[in-house]
Amino acid sequence: MNDNWTEIKITVPASSAGTAGDIANMTVPHGIYIEDYSDLEEGAMEIAHIDLIDEALLQKDRTKAIIHVYISPEDNPAEAVSFLEERLSACGIPYEVELAGCRMEDWINNWKQYFKPIPVGEKLLIRPIWEEDFDPRGRTVLNLEPGLAFGTGTHETTRLCMELIEKYLPEGADFLDMGCGSGILSVAALLLGARSAVGVDIDPLAVKTAVENARLNGVEGRFTGVCGNLAEKVTGQYQLIAANIVADVVILLSQDAPDFLAPGGVYVISGIIDSRERDVLDALAGRFQVVERREDRGWVAMALRLV
């Protein structure tokens, strides 16, 4: 592996390998590699029709699974680690993270050369703050310092979510972002005409980054960053709510979302890998109806309204 690449190894209980794998998949546009020896004998017999297994494999810890994620130089390993730690914690999955292949102090600078201003939707241009030479071409510029929090706008889930926010956000609306990461969705909503935005996250570093990004865009007076549990820390009703996380957390948060959604409001969900879409829809059945569905490279986002 090239020295500029970073390998992230996440060790989780074998019983949580599926959910943790879905979370890890959100950090990279390509595949991940999962070591899971929990059903070694059954798997060997079923797949290879053998019952003679190498002694070294038999000595592997059957209770744990190891997920290997490879981050290329043009991506931000720090963002990936922050995302993994936050989302695994949100799902209640115990984990250990180990890194190899790139010195931590090189991370932040290595990937910046690849992150250029990008248009999103019809109105916005996401501009990393180190890029001075750019042409907005009539778009509203969203200045972004991602720091170590998840959310640069380059990932399909964030982009799909922003497109739906642009389409369904009423002028002067109050906006709620459940799991705000870098604050990119809240800042986007404010630049697109929201009156106020609240971003809540369990990661204090994410909330700090979100507050800074609101300041960079001159909307800090209309943004509130909240660190902690949604149901315990947030009050009020919002015309638009967004949750760009992973399927299991979207399902969990959707139990509380109706309490915060104003009459006629729209709930935008994203971060759902296509193989988990049916699970999410089943969990929402009877409470929400799908207004619009968008998909990009296996990731699904939806705009919903209460039934």
C-alpha atoms as a PDB file:
ATOM      1  CA  MET A   1       0.000   0.000   0.000  1.00  0.00           C
ATOM      2  CA  ASN A   2       1.250   3.480  -0.870  1.00  0.00           C
ATOM      3  CA  ASP A   3       2.639   5.360   2.135  1.00  0.00           C
ATOM      4  CA  ASN A   4       0.136   8.133   1.526  1.00  0.00           C
ATOM      5  CA  TRP A   5      -2.747   5.786   2.228  1.00  0.00           C
ATOM      6  CA  THR A   6      -4.022   5.169   5.742  1.00  0.00           C
ATOM      7  CA  GLU A   7      -5.353   1.857   7.004  1.00  0.00           C
ATOM      8  CA  ILE A   8      -7.945   2.123   9.747  1.00  0.00           C
ATOM      9  CA  LYS A   9      -8.642  -1.086  11.675  1.00  0.00           C
ATOM     10  CA  ILE A  10     -11.812  -1.127  13.757  1.00  0.00           C
ATOM     11  CA  THR A  11     -12.299  -4.013  16.182  1.00  0.00           C
ATOM     12  CA  VAL A  12     -15.899  -4.618  17.261  1.00  0.00           C
ATOM     13  CA  PRO A  13     -17.900  -7.512  18.737  1.00  0.00           C
ATOM     14  CA  ALA A  14     -18.583 -10.102  16.020  1.00  0.00           C
ATOM     15  CA  SER A  15     -22.316  -9.713  16.646  1.00  0.00           C
ATOM     16  CA  SER A  16     -22.076  -6.049  15.548  1.00  0.00           C
ATOM     17  CA  ALA A  17     -19.978  -6.647  12.421  1.00  0.00           C
ATOM     18  CA  GLY A  18     -22.866  -5.992  10.025  1.00  0.00           C
ATOM     19  CA  THR A  19     -23.875  -2.622  11.460  1.00  0.00           C
ATOM     20  CA  ALA A  20     -20.251  -1.554  11.956  1.00  0.00           C
ATOM     21  CA  GLY A  21     -19.530  -2.548   8.359  1.00  0.00           C
ATOM     22  CA  ASP A  22     -22.369  -0.323   7.119  1.00  0.00           C
ATOM     23  CA  ILE A  23     -20.929   2.571   9.126  1.00  0.00           C
ATOM     24  CA  ALA A  24     -17.402   1.951   7.812  1.00  0.00           C
ATOM     25  CA  ASN A  25     -18.709   1.831   4.243  1.00  0.00           C
ATOM     26  CA  MET A  26     -19.827   5.447   4.539  1.00  0.00           C
ATOM     27  CA  THR A  27     -16.237   6.644   4.877  1.00  0.00           C
ATOM     28  CA  VAL A  28     -14.980   5.332   1.523  1.00  0.00           C
ATOM     29  CA  PRO A  29     -16.333   5.108  -2.045  1.00  0.00           C
ATOM     30  CA  HIS A  30     -14.987   1.558  -2.431  1.00  0.00           C
ATOM     31  CA  GLY A  31     -15.142  -1.716  -0.552  1.00  0.00           C
ATOM     32  CA  ILE A  32     -14.032  -2.570   2.950  1.00  0.00           C
ATOM     33  CA  TYR A  33     -12.528  -5.809   4.269  1.00  0.00           C
ATOM     34  CA  ILE A  34     -14.052  -7.547   7.303  1.00  0.00           C
ATOM     35  CA  GLU A  35     -12.312 -10.292   9.303  1.00  0.00           C
ATOM     36  CA  ASP A  36     -15.000 -12.290  11.077  1.00  0.00           C
ATOM     37  CA  TYR A  37     -14.186 -15.792  12.308  1.00  0.00           C
ATOM     38  CA  SER A  38     -17.301 -16.276  14.439  1.00  0.00           C
ATOM     39  CA  ASP A  39     -18.656 -19.045  12.175  1.00  0.00           C
ATOM     40  CA  LEU A  40     -15.340 -20.401  10.927  1.00  0.00           C
ATOM     41  CA  GLU A  41     -16.191 -24.115  10.985  1.00  0.00           C
ATOM     42  CA  GLU A  42     -19.678 -23.687   9.511  1.00  0.00           C
ATOM     43  CA  GLY A  43     -18.384 -21.337   6.812  1.00  0.00           C
ATOM     44  CA  ALA A  44     -15.531 -23.612   5.822  1.00  0.00           C
ATOM     45  CA  MET A  45     -17.849 -26.594   5.470  1.00  0.00           C
ATOM     46  CA  GLU A  46     -20.548 -24.663   3.618  1.00  0.00           C
ATOM     47  CA  ILE A  47     -18.285 -22.791   1.185  1.00  0.00           C
ATOM     48  CA  ALA A  48     -15.307 -25.104   0.671  1.00  0.00           C
ATOM     49  CA  HIS A  49     -16.794 -28.404   1.900  1.00  0.00           C
ATOM     50  CA  ILE A  50     -13.819 -29.011   4.176  1.00  0.00           C
ATOM     51  CA  ASP A  51     -13.513 -29.524   7.884  1.00  0.00           C
ATOM     52  CA  LEU A  52      -9.718 -29.296   8.145  1.00  0.00           C
ATOM     53  CA  ILE A  53      -8.838 -25.718   9.095  1.00  0.00           C
ATOM     54  CA  ASP A  54      -5.431 -24.100   9.578  1.00  0.00           C
ATOM     55  CA  GLU A  55      -4.406 -23.988  13.252  1.00  0.00           C
ATOM     56  CA  ALA A  56      -3.633 -20.242  13.054  1.00  0.00           C
ATOM     57  CA  LEU A  57      -7.201 -19.541  11.969  1.00  0.00           C
ATOM     58  CA  LEU A  58      -8.625 -21.697  14.729  1.00  0.00           C
ATOM     59  CA  GLN A  59      -6.717 -19.562  17.263  1.00  0.00           C
ATOM     60  CA  LYS A  60      -8.346 -16.347  16.050  1.00  0.00           C
ATOM     61  CA  ASP A  61     -10.636 -14.543  18.495  1.00  0.00           C
ATOM     62  CA  ARG A  62     -14.152 -15.667  17.474  1.00  0.00           C
ATOM     63  CA  THR A  63     -15.883 -12.997  19.557  1.00  0.00           C
ATOM     64  CA  LYS A  64     -14.415 -10.054  17.635  1.00  0.00           C
ATOM     65  CA  ALA A  65     -14.552  -8.801  14.058  1.00  0.00           C
ATOM     66  CA  ILE A  66     -11.942  -6.511  12.514  1.00  0.00           C
ATOM     67  CA  ILE A  67     -12.994  -4.065   9.819  1.00  0.00           C
ATOM     68  CA  HIS A  68     -10.247  -2.733   7.559  1.00  0.00           C
ATOM     69  CA  VAL A  69     -10.842   0.626   5.856  1.00  0.00           C
ATOM     70  CA  TYR A  70      -8.302   2.116   3.454  1.00  0.00           C
ATOM     71  CA  ILE A  71      -8.339   5.915   3.121  1.00  0.00           C
ATOM     72  CA  SER A  72      -6.737   7.388   0.008  1.00  0.00           C
ATOM     73  CA  PRO A  73      -4.615  10.564   0.057  1.00  0.00           C
ATOM     74  CA  GLU A  74      -7.441  12.656  -1.395  1.00  0.00           C
ATOM     75  CA  ASP A  75      -9.729  11.785   1.501  1.00  0.00           C
ATOM     76  CA  ASN A  76      -9.409  12.966   5.085  1.00  0.00           C
ATOM     77  CA  PRO A  77      -8.483  10.165   7.518  1.00  0.00           C
ATOM     78  CA  ALA A  78      -9.134  12.433  10.483  1.00  0.00           C
ATOM     79  CA  GLU A  79     -12.697  13.010   9.304  1.00  0.00           C
ATOM     80  CA  ALA A  80     -13.154   9.285   8.774  1.00  0.00           C
ATOM     81  CA  VAL A  81     -11.929   8.403  12.279  1.00  0.00           C
ATOM     82  CA  SER A  82     -14.159  11.063  13.853  1.00  0.00           C
ATOM     83  CA  PHE A  83     -17.146   9.758  11.904  1.00  0.00           C
ATOM     84  CA  LEU A  84     -16.449   6.125  12.818  1.00  0.00           C
ATOM     85  CA  GLU A  85     -16.046   6.866  16.518  1.00  0.00           C
ATOM     86  CA  GLU A  86     -19.161   9.006  16.694  1.00  0.00           C
ATOM     87  CA  ARG A  87     -21.440   6.680  14.744  1.00  0.00           C
ATOM     88  CA  LEU A  88     -20.248   3.501  16.498  1.00  0.00           C
ATOM     89  CA  SER A  89     -20.864   5.215  19.844  1.00  0.00           C
ATOM     90  CA  ALA A  90     -24.315   6.330  18.687  1.00  0.00           C
ATOM     91  CA  CYS A  91     -25.140   2.691  17.860  1.00  0.00           C
ATOM     92  CA  GLY A  92     -23.828   1.530  21.237  1.00  0.00           C
ATOM     93  CA  ILE A  93     -21.116  -0.614  19.634  1.00  0.00           C
ATOM     94  CA  PRO A  94     -17.895  -1.058  21.678  1.00  0.00           C
ATOM     95  CA  TYR A  95     -14.864  -0.501  19.451  1.00  0.00           C
ATOM     96  CA  GLU A  96     -11.114  -0.073  19.230  1.00  0.00           C
ATOM     97  CA  VAL A  97      -9.524   1.955  16.430  1.00  0.00           C
ATOM     98  CA  GLU A  98      -5.973   1.331  15.223  1.00  0.00           C
ATOM     99  CA  LEU A  99      -4.165   3.248  12.488  1.00  0.00           C
ATOM    100  CA  ALA A 100      -1.301   2.470  10.147  1.00  0.00           C
ATOM    101  CA  GLY A 101       0.284   3.786   6.962  1.00  0.00           C
ATOM    102  CA  CYS A 102       0.375   7.520   7.548  1.00  0.00           C
ATOM    103  CA  ARG A 103       1.570   9.756  10.360  1.00  0.00           C
ATOM    104  CA  MET A 104      -1.301  11.505  12.088  1.00  0.00           C
ATOM    105  CA  GLU A 105       0.253  14.954  11.655  1.00  0.00           C
ATOM    106  CA  ASP A 106       0.317  14.455   7.862  1.00  0.00           C
ATOM    107  CA  TRP A 107      -3.394  13.751   7.564  1.00  0.00           C
ATOM    108  CA  ILE A 108      -4.870  17.189   7.547  1.00  0.00           C
ATOM    109  CA  ASN A 109      -2.488  18.599   4.961  1.00  0.00           C
ATOM    110  CA  ASN A 110      -2.291  15.567   2.636  1.00  0.00           C
ATOM    111  CA  TRP A 111      -5.903  15.583   1.546  1.00  0.00           C
ATOM    112  CA  LYS A 112      -6.421  19.355   1.290  1.00  0.00           C
ATOM    113  CA  GLN A 113      -4.792  19.530  -2.131  1.00  0.00           C
ATOM    114  CA  TYR A 114      -7.586  17.332  -3.521  1.00  0.00           C
ATOM    115  CA  PHE A 115     -10.577  19.124  -1.964  1.00  0.00           C
ATOM    116  CA  LYS A 116     -11.615  21.862  -4.404  1.00  0.00           C
ATOM    117  CA  PRO A 117     -14.749  24.064  -4.513  1.00  0.00           C
ATOM    118  CA  ILE A 118     -17.732  21.941  -5.577  1.00  0.00           C
ATOM    119  CA  PRO A 119     -21.254  22.936  -6.682  1.00  0.00           C
ATOM    120  CA  VAL A 120     -24.135  21.260  -4.838  1.00  0.00           C
ATOM    121  CA  GLY A 121     -27.740  21.458  -5.937  1.00  0.00           C
ATOM    122  CA  GLU A 122     -28.831  24.528  -7.890  1.00  0.00           C
ATOM    123  CA  LYS A 123     -27.644  27.290  -5.567  1.00  0.00           C
ATOM    124  CA  LEU A 124     -24.625  26.419  -3.423  1.00  0.00           C
ATOM    125  CA  LEU A 125     -20.865  26.217  -3.924  1.00  0.00           C
ATOM    126  CA  ILE A 126     -18.914  24.537  -1.126  1.00  0.00           C
ATOM    127  CA  ARG A 127     -15.548  26.230  -0.793  1.00  0.00           C
ATOM    128  CA  PRO A 128     -12.821  24.912   1.531  1.00  0.00           C
ATOM    129  CA  ILE A 129     -11.377  27.985   3.213  1.00  0.00           C
ATOM    130  CA  TRP A 130      -7.850  27.403   1.891  1.00  0.00           C
ATOM    131  CA  GLU A 131      -9.048  27.765  -1.724  1.00  0.00           C
ATOM    132  CA  GLU A 132      -8.661  31.449  -2.658  1.00  0.00           C
ATOM    133  CA  ASP A 133      -8.871  31.247  -6.456  1.00  0.00           C
ATOM    134  CA  PHE A 134     -12.400  30.244  -7.504  1.00  0.00           C
ATOM    135  CA  ASP A 135     -15.369  31.499  -9.505  1.00  0.00           C
ATOM    136  CA  PRO A 136     -18.742  31.130  -7.711  1.00  0.00           C
ATOM    137  CA  ARG A 137     -20.608  31.538 -11.047  1.00  0.00           C
ATOM    138  CA  GLY A 138     -23.607  33.071  -9.363  1.00  0.00           C
ATOM    139  CA  ARG A 139     -23.860  30.496  -6.599  1.00  0.00           C
ATOM    140  CA  THR A 140     -24.036  31.218  -2.873  1.00  0.00           C
ATOM    141  CA  VAL A 141     -20.658  30.311  -1.352  1.00  0.00           C
ATOM    142  CA  LEU A 142     -20.587  28.055   1.705  1.00  0.00           C
ATOM    143  CA  ASN A 143     -17.174  28.464   3.354  1.00  0.00           C
ATOM    144  CA  LEU A 144     -16.058  25.275   5.074  1.00  0.00           C
ATOM    145  CA  GLU A 145     -13.317  24.304   7.499  1.00  0.00           C
ATOM    146  CA  PRO A 146     -14.030  20.593   7.992  1.00  0.00           C
ATOM    147  CA  GLY A 147     -11.507  20.163  10.800  1.00  0.00           C
ATOM    148  CA  LEU A 148     -11.859  16.685  12.258  1.00  0.00           C
ATOM    149  CA  ALA A 149     -15.646  16.459  11.942  1.00  0.00           C
ATOM    150  CA  PHE A 150     -17.537  14.504   9.291  1.00  0.00           C
ATOM    151  CA  GLY A 151     -19.153  16.438   6.446  1.00  0.00           C
ATOM    152  CA  THR A 152     -17.350  18.060   3.525  1.00  0.00           C
ATOM    153  CA  GLY A 153     -20.089  17.789   0.922  1.00  0.00           C
ATOM    154  CA  THR A 154     -18.008  15.438  -1.216  1.00  0.00           C
ATOM    155  CA  HIS A 155     -19.756  12.297   0.056  1.00  0.00           C
ATOM    156  CA  GLU A 156     -22.927  11.216  -1.764  1.00  0.00           C
ATOM    157  CA  THR A 157     -24.955  11.148   1.458  1.00  0.00           C
ATOM    158  CA  THR A 158     -24.212  14.769   2.339  1.00  0.00           C
ATOM    159  CA  ARG A 159     -24.740  15.979  -1.210  1.00  0.00           C
ATOM    160  CA  LEU A 160     -28.094  14.195  -1.604  1.00  0.00           C
ATOM    161  CA  CYS A 161     -29.223  15.568   1.741  1.00  0.00           C
ATOM    162  CA  MET A 162     -28.300  19.149   0.767  1.00  0.00           C
ATOM    163  CA  GLU A 163     -30.176  18.833  -2.529  1.00  0.00           C
ATOM    164  CA  LEU A 164     -33.341  17.802  -0.695  1.00  0.00           C
ATOM    165  CA  ILE A 165     -32.917  20.562   1.888  1.00  0.00           C
ATOM    166  CA  GLU A 166     -32.632  23.111  -0.937  1.00  0.00           C
ATOM    167  CA  LYS A 167     -35.834  21.788  -2.515  1.00  0.00           C
ATOM    168  CA  TYR A 168     -38.026  21.473   0.589  1.00  0.00           C
ATOM    169  CA  LEU A 169     -36.806  24.262   2.904  1.00  0.00           C
ATOM    170  CA  PRO A 170     -39.481  26.982   3.251  1.00  0.00           C
ATOM    171  CA  GLU A 171     -38.261  30.601   3.445  1.00  0.00           C
ATOM    172  CA  GLY A 172     -37.872  31.645   7.084  1.00  0.00           C
ATOM    173  CA  ALA A 173     -38.070  28.060   8.393  1.00  0.00           C
ATOM    174  CA  ASP A 174     -36.559  26.725  11.587  1.00  0.00           C
ATOM    175  CA  PHE A 175     -34.148  23.849  10.805  1.00  0.00           C
ATOM    176  CA  LEU A 176     -32.940  20.953  12.957  1.00  0.00           C
ATOM    177  CA  ASP A 177     -29.944  18.763  12.107  1.00  0.00           C
ATOM    178  CA  MET A 178     -29.802  15.539  14.108  1.00  0.00           C
ATOM    179  CA  GLY A 179     -26.124  14.493  14.081  1.00  0.00           C
ATOM    180  CA  CYS A 180     -24.654  17.707  12.709  1.00  0.00           C
ATOM    181  CA  GLY A 181     -20.991  16.718  12.156  1.00  0.00           C
ATOM    182  CA  SER A 182     -19.198  19.704  10.608  1.00  0.00           C
ATOM    183  CA  GLY A 183     -22.421  21.737  10.610  1.00  0.00           C
ATOM    184  CA  ILE A 184     -22.523  21.820   6.815  1.00  0.00           C
ATOM    185  CA  LEU A 185     -26.269  21.090   6.603  1.00  0.00           C
ATOM    186  CA  SER A 186     -27.208  23.763   9.147  1.00  0.00           C
ATOM    187  CA  VAL A 187     -25.027  26.378   7.455  1.00  0.00           C
ATOM    188  CA  ALA A 188     -26.469  25.404   4.067  1.00  0.00           C
ATOM    189  CA  ALA A 189     -30.022  25.768   5.399  1.00  0.00           C
ATOM    190  CA  LEU A 190     -29.250  29.227   6.817  1.00  0.00           C
ATOM    191  CA  LEU A 191     -27.652  30.378   3.572  1.00  0.00           C
ATOM    192  CA  LEU A 192     -30.694  29.066   1.693  1.00  0.00           C
ATOM    193  CA  GLY A 193     -33.099  31.159   3.755  1.00  0.00           C
ATOM    194  CA  ALA A 194     -33.794  29.396   7.064  1.00  0.00           C
ATOM    195  CA  ARG A 195     -34.515  31.700   9.995  1.00  0.00           C
ATOM    196  CA  SER A 196     -32.673  29.538  12.518  1.00  0.00           C
ATOM    197  CA  ALA A 197     -30.791  26.245  12.712  1.00  0.00           C
ATOM    198  CA  VAL A 198     -30.052  23.892  15.583  1.00  0.00           C
ATOM    199  CA  GLY A 199     -27.319  21.275  15.169  1.00  0.00           C
ATOM    200  CA  VAL A 200     -27.122  18.497  17.758  1.00  0.00           C
ATOM    201  CA  ASP A 201     -24.355  15.908  18.019  1.00  0.00           C
ATOM    202  CA  ILE A 202     -22.940  13.587  20.653  1.00  0.00           C
ATOM    203  CA  ASP A 203     -19.369  14.553  19.650  1.00  0.00           C
ATOM    204  CA  PRO A 204     -18.194  17.818  21.286  1.00  0.00           C
ATOM    205  CA  LEU A 205     -15.547  18.259  18.574  1.00  0.00           C
ATOM    206  CA  ALA A 206     -18.259  18.143  15.895  1.00  0.00           C
ATOM    207  CA  VAL A 207     -20.308  20.798  17.700  1.00  0.00           C
ATOM    208  CA  LYS A 208     -17.239  23.029  18.064  1.00  0.00           C
ATOM    209  CA  THR A 209     -16.498  22.654  14.326  1.00  0.00           C
ATOM    210  CA  ALA A 210     -20.129  23.386  13.434  1.00  0.00           C
ATOM    211  CA  VAL A 211     -20.123  26.603  15.487  1.00  0.00           C
ATOM    212  CA  GLU A 212     -16.888  27.686  13.775  1.00  0.00           C
ATOM    213  CA  ASN A 213     -18.328  26.980  10.306  1.00  0.00           C
ATOM    214  CA  ALA A 214     -21.407  29.043  11.168  1.00  0.00           C
ATOM    215  CA  ARG A 215     -19.076  31.910  12.135  1.00  0.00           C
ATOM    216  CA  LEU A 216     -17.086  31.574   8.893  1.00  0.00           C
ATOM    217  CA  ASN A 217     -20.319  32.108   6.969  1.00  0.00           C
ATOM    218  CA  GLY A 218     -21.651  34.976   9.054  1.00  0.00           C
ATOM    219  CA  VAL A 219     -24.644  33.027  10.355  1.00  0.00           C
ATOM    220  CA  GLU A 220     -23.455  32.309  13.904  1.00  0.00           C
ATOM    221  CA  GLY A 221     -26.228  34.487  15.358  1.00  0.00           C
ATOM    222  CA  ARG A 222     -28.866  32.143  13.910  1.00  0.00           C
ATOM    223  CA  PHE A 223     -27.119  28.843  14.701  1.00  0.00           C
ATOM    224  CA  THR A 224     -27.226  26.904  17.958  1.00  0.00           C
ATOM    225  CA  GLY A 225     -24.856  23.981  18.488  1.00  0.00           C
ATOM    226  CA  VAL A 226     -25.966  21.421  21.050  1.00  0.00           C
ATOM    227  CA  CYS A 227     -23.814  18.585  22.412  1.00  0.00           C
ATOM    228  CA  GLY A 228     -25.733  15.627  23.766  1.00  0.00           C
ATOM    229  CA  ASN A 229     -28.793  13.448  23.324  1.00  0.00           C
ATOM    230  CA  LEU A 230     -31.488  14.770  20.977  1.00  0.00           C
ATOM    231  CA  ALA A 231     -34.544  14.017  23.096  1.00  0.00           C
ATOM    232  CA  GLU A 232     -32.990  15.429  26.282  1.00  0.00           C
ATOM    233  CA  LYS A 233     -31.386  18.563  24.842  1.00  0.00           C
ATOM    234  CA  VAL A 234     -33.695  19.881  22.104  1.00  0.00           C
ATOM    235  CA  THR A 235     -37.116  21.540  22.331  1.00  0.00           C
ATOM    236  CA  GLY A 236     -39.465  23.235  19.888  1.00  0.00           C
ATOM    237  CA  GLN A 237     -40.782  22.391  16.445  1.00  0.00           C
ATOM    238  CA  TYR A 238     -39.070  22.696  13.091  1.00  0.00           C
ATOM    239  CA  GLN A 239     -40.364  22.985   9.536  1.00  0.00           C
ATOM    240  CA  LEU A 240     -37.448  20.908   8.240  1.00  0.00           C
ATOM    241  CA  ILE A 241     -35.440  18.237  10.060  1.00  0.00           C
ATOM    242  CA  ALA A 242     -32.429  16.375   8.635  1.00  0.00           C
ATOM    243  CA  ALA A 243     -30.699  13.182   9.762  1.00  0.00           C
ATOM    244  CA  ASN A 244     -27.662  12.238   7.655  1.00  0.00           C
ATOM    245  CA  ILE A 245     -26.272   9.336   9.640  1.00  0.00           C
ATOM    246  CA  VAL A 246     -26.577   5.557   9.109  1.00  0.00           C
ATOM    247  CA  ALA A 247     -29.629   3.334   8.841  1.00  0.00           C
ATOM    248  CA  ASP A 248     -29.705   2.086  12.443  1.00  0.00           C
ATOM    249  CA  VAL A 249     -29.371   5.588  13.922  1.00  0.00           C
ATOM    250  CA  VAL A 250     -31.913   7.016  11.448  1.00  0.00           C
ATOM    251  CA  ILE A 251     -34.351   4.335  12.652  1.00  0.00           C
ATOM    252  CA  LEU A 252     -33.596   5.233  16.282  1.00  0.00           C
ATOM    253  CA  LEU A 253     -33.891   9.011  15.790  1.00  0.00           C
ATOM    254  CA  SER A 254     -37.061   8.637  13.749  1.00  0.00           C
ATOM    255  CA  GLN A 255     -38.884   7.557  16.904  1.00  0.00           C
ATOM    256  CA  ASP A 256     -38.396  11.075  18.299  1.00  0.00           C
ATOM    257  CA  ALA A 257     -38.490  13.071  15.041  1.00  0.00           C
ATOM    258  CA  PRO A 258     -42.329  13.430  14.973  1.00  0.00           C
ATOM    259  CA  ASP A 259     -42.184  15.300  18.308  1.00  0.00           C
ATOM    260  CA  PHE A 260     -40.010  18.006  16.731  1.00  0.00           C
ATOM    261  CA  LEU A 261     -41.608  18.219  13.279  1.00  0.00           C
ATOM    262  CA  ALA A 262     -43.956  21.178  12.761  1.00  0.00           C
ATOM    263  CA  PRO A 263     -47.311  20.512  11.046  1.00  0.00           C
ATOM    264  CA  GLY A 264     -46.698  20.052   7.317  1.00  0.00           C
ATOM    265  CA  GLY A 265     -42.957  19.866   7.906  1.00  0.00           C
ATOM    266  CA  VAL A 266     -40.484  17.720   5.980  1.00  0.00           C
ATOM    267  CA  TYR A 267     -38.060  15.165   7.427  1.00  0.00           C
ATOM    268  CA  VAL A 268     -34.991  14.484   5.262  1.00  0.00           C
ATOM    269  CA  ILE A 269     -33.040  11.273   5.913  1.00  0.00           C
ATOM    270  CA  SER A 270     -29.780  10.218   4.291  1.00  0.00           C
ATOM    271  CA  GLY A 271     -26.763   8.008   4.898  1.00  0.00           C
ATOM    272  CA  ILE A 272     -28.749   4.886   4.050  1.00  0.00           C
ATOM    273  CA  ILE A 273     -26.945   2.258   2.010  1.00  0.00           C
ATOM    274  CA  ASP A 274     -29.367   0.692  -0.473  1.00  0.00           C
ATOM    275  CA  SER A 275     -29.232  -2.735   1.165  1.00  0.00           C
ATOM    276  CA  ARG A 276     -30.704  -1.205   4.350  1.00  0.00           C
ATOM    277  CA  GLU A 277     -33.412   0.897   2.703  1.00  0.00           C
ATOM    278  CA  ARG A 278     -36.148  -1.684   3.295  1.00  0.00           C
ATOM    279  CA  ASP A 279     -35.258  -1.868   7.029  1.00  0.00           C
ATOM    280  CA  VAL A 280     -35.621   1.906   7.317  1.00  0.00           C
ATOM    281  CA  LEU A 281     -38.911   2.010   5.397  1.00  0.00           C
ATOM    282  CA  ASP A 282     -40.326  -0.814   7.538  1.00  0.00           C
ATOM    283  CA  ALA A 283     -39.408   1.101  10.696  1.00  0.00           C
ATOM    284  CA  LEU A 284     -41.048   4.291   9.393  1.00  0.00           C
ATOM    285  CA  ALA A 285     -44.207   2.585   8.101  1.00  0.00           C
ATOM    286  CA  GLY A 286     -47.426   4.024   9.487  1.00  0.00           C
ATOM    287  CA  ARG A 287     -45.768   7.248  10.686  1.00  0.00           C
ATOM    288  CA  PHE A 288     -44.051   8.725   7.619  1.00  0.00           C
ATOM    289  CA  GLN A 289     -44.715   8.686   3.896  1.00  0.00           C
ATOM    290  CA  VAL A 290     -42.031   9.155   1.263  1.00  0.00           C
ATOM    291  CA  VAL A 291     -42.378  12.390  -0.702  1.00  0.00           C
ATOM    292  CA  GLU A 292     -39.207  11.958  -2.762  1.00  0.00           C
ATOM    293  CA  ARG A 293     -36.388   9.434  -3.038  1.00  0.00           C
ATOM    294  CA  ARG A 294     -32.938  10.049  -4.494  1.00  0.00           C
ATOM    295  CA  GLU A 295     -30.058   7.612  -4.981  1.00  0.00           C
ATOM    296  CA  ASP A 296     -26.406   8.000  -5.918  1.00  0.00           C
ATOM    297  CA  ARG A 297     -23.834   5.192  -6.092  1.00  0.00           C
ATOM    298  CA  GLY A 298     -25.782   2.928  -3.738  1.00  0.00           C
ATOM    299  CA  TRP A 299     -26.653   5.638  -1.193  1.00  0.00           C
ATOM    300  CA  VAL A 300     -30.276   6.620  -0.635  1.00  0.00           C
ATOM    301  CA  ALA A 301     -31.803   9.847   0.671  1.00  0.00           C
ATOM    302  CA  MET A 302     -35.500  10.559   1.154  1.00  0.00           C
ATOM    303  CA  ALA A 303     -37.802  13.454   1.960  1.00  0.00           C
ATOM    304  CA  LEU A 304     -40.684  12.379   4.210  1.00  0.00           C
ATOM    305  CA  ARG A 305     -43.843  13.816   5.692  1.00  0.00           C
ATOM    306  CA  LEU A 306     -45.925  12.569   8.610  1.00  0.00           C
ATOM    307  CA  VAL A 307     -48.839  10.379   7.590  1.00  0.00           C
END
